[in-house]
Protein backbone atom coordinates (compact mmCIF):
# COMPACT_ATOMS: atom_id res chain seq x y z
CA MET A 1 3.26 -101.88 28.43
CA LYS A 2 3.12 -105.67 29.99
CA PHE A 3 0.39 -106.92 30.90
CA LYS A 4 -0.44 -110.27 32.23
CA ALA A 5 -3.48 -111.96 31.65
CA GLU A 6 -5.18 -114.82 33.62
CA ILE A 7 -7.89 -117.07 31.52
CA ASP A 8 -9.66 -119.64 33.13
CA VAL A 9 -11.19 -122.17 30.30
CA MET A 10 -14.30 -124.76 31.29
CA PRO A 11 -15.98 -127.53 29.93
CA LEU A 12 -19.64 -125.58 28.52
CA GLU A 13 -22.51 -126.69 30.93
CA ALA A 14 -23.98 -128.86 28.88
CA LEU A 15 -21.91 -131.05 28.36
CA LEU A 16 -20.21 -133.87 30.46
CA ASP A 17 -16.93 -133.25 32.45
CA PRO A 18 -15.95 -137.51 33.11
CA GLN A 19 -12.83 -135.82 34.56
CA GLY A 20 -15.23 -133.68 36.83
CA LYS A 21 -17.16 -136.45 37.46
CA ALA A 22 -14.68 -139.46 38.45
CA VAL A 23 -13.57 -136.24 40.99
CA THR A 24 -17.09 -135.85 42.09
CA ASN A 25 -17.48 -139.68 42.69
CA SER A 26 -14.03 -139.46 44.82
CA MET A 27 -14.93 -137.24 47.19
CA THR A 28 -17.34 -140.34 48.78
CA ASN A 29 -14.51 -142.06 49.33
CA LEU A 30 -12.59 -139.48 50.97
CA GLY A 31 -15.21 -138.69 53.30
CA LEU A 32 -16.34 -135.50 51.82
CA PRO A 33 -20.05 -136.75 50.20
CA GLU A 34 -21.10 -133.01 50.75
CA ILE A 35 -19.19 -131.58 47.53
CA SER A 36 -20.67 -132.44 44.39
CA GLY A 37 -20.95 -130.92 40.52
CA VAL A 38 -17.07 -130.62 40.07
CA ARG A 39 -15.80 -129.46 37.04
CA ILE A 40 -12.43 -129.22 35.78
CA GLY A 41 -10.78 -126.95 33.11
CA LYS A 42 -7.30 -124.90 32.87
CA HIS A 43 -6.17 -121.83 34.10
CA ILE A 44 -3.66 -120.27 31.48
CA THR A 45 -1.25 -116.88 32.28
CA LEU A 46 0.41 -115.16 29.90
CA LEU A 47 2.50 -111.53 29.23
CA VAL A 48 1.29 -109.27 26.69
CA GLU A 49 3.37 -106.95 25.26
CA ALA A 50 0.69 -104.03 24.25
CA LYS A 51 0.11 -100.15 23.47
CA ASP A 52 -2.36 -100.30 25.96
CA LYS A 53 -5.14 -102.27 27.90
CA LYS A 54 -7.91 -102.19 24.99
CA THR A 55 -5.12 -103.86 22.83
CA ALA A 56 -3.86 -106.19 25.07
CA GLU A 57 -7.36 -107.99 25.56
CA THR A 58 -7.98 -107.95 22.02
CA LYS A 59 -4.73 -110.13 21.50
CA VAL A 60 -5.89 -112.37 24.73
CA ASP A 61 -9.31 -112.94 22.60
CA ALA A 62 -7.43 -113.40 19.44
CA ALA A 63 -5.08 -116.08 21.67
CA CYS A 64 -8.16 -117.21 22.91
CA LYS A 65 -10.51 -118.14 19.88
CA LYS A 66 -7.34 -119.30 17.65
CA LEU A 67 -5.69 -121.28 20.16
CA LEU A 68 -6.55 -122.17 23.75
CA CYS A 69 -10.20 -122.65 23.59
CA ASN A 70 -12.49 -125.14 21.68
CA GLU A 71 -15.73 -123.10 21.79
CA ILE A 72 -17.54 -126.43 20.95
CA MET A 73 -16.61 -127.57 24.14
CA GLU A 74 -15.51 -124.76 26.23
CA PHE A 75 -15.93 -121.49 27.39
CA TYR A 76 -13.30 -118.64 28.59
CA LYS A 77 -13.26 -115.69 30.39
CA PHE A 78 -10.25 -113.44 31.04
CA THR A 79 -9.01 -110.27 33.30
CA VAL A 80 -5.44 -108.19 32.21
CA THR A 81 -3.76 -106.41 34.27
CA GLU A 82 -0.52 -104.27 33.88
CA VAL A 83 2.84 -105.34 35.38
């Protein structure tokens, strides 16, 4: 079976997000002062071959922990759907 994973990796709330801060500061210059608290992360999609959804989720979780996310500075969440 084939599954599609949608993964969001974001900086931990307790850590400074310099890219998000720069975008937040730029919102005022763009005439959008009501927008604040911008946080910037990564969105990753991938396909997984697995015998069932539970196995696909286990594989995606392993990929996040081993490569896609630095858990010291980031957190992740994902969804897996059959394609």
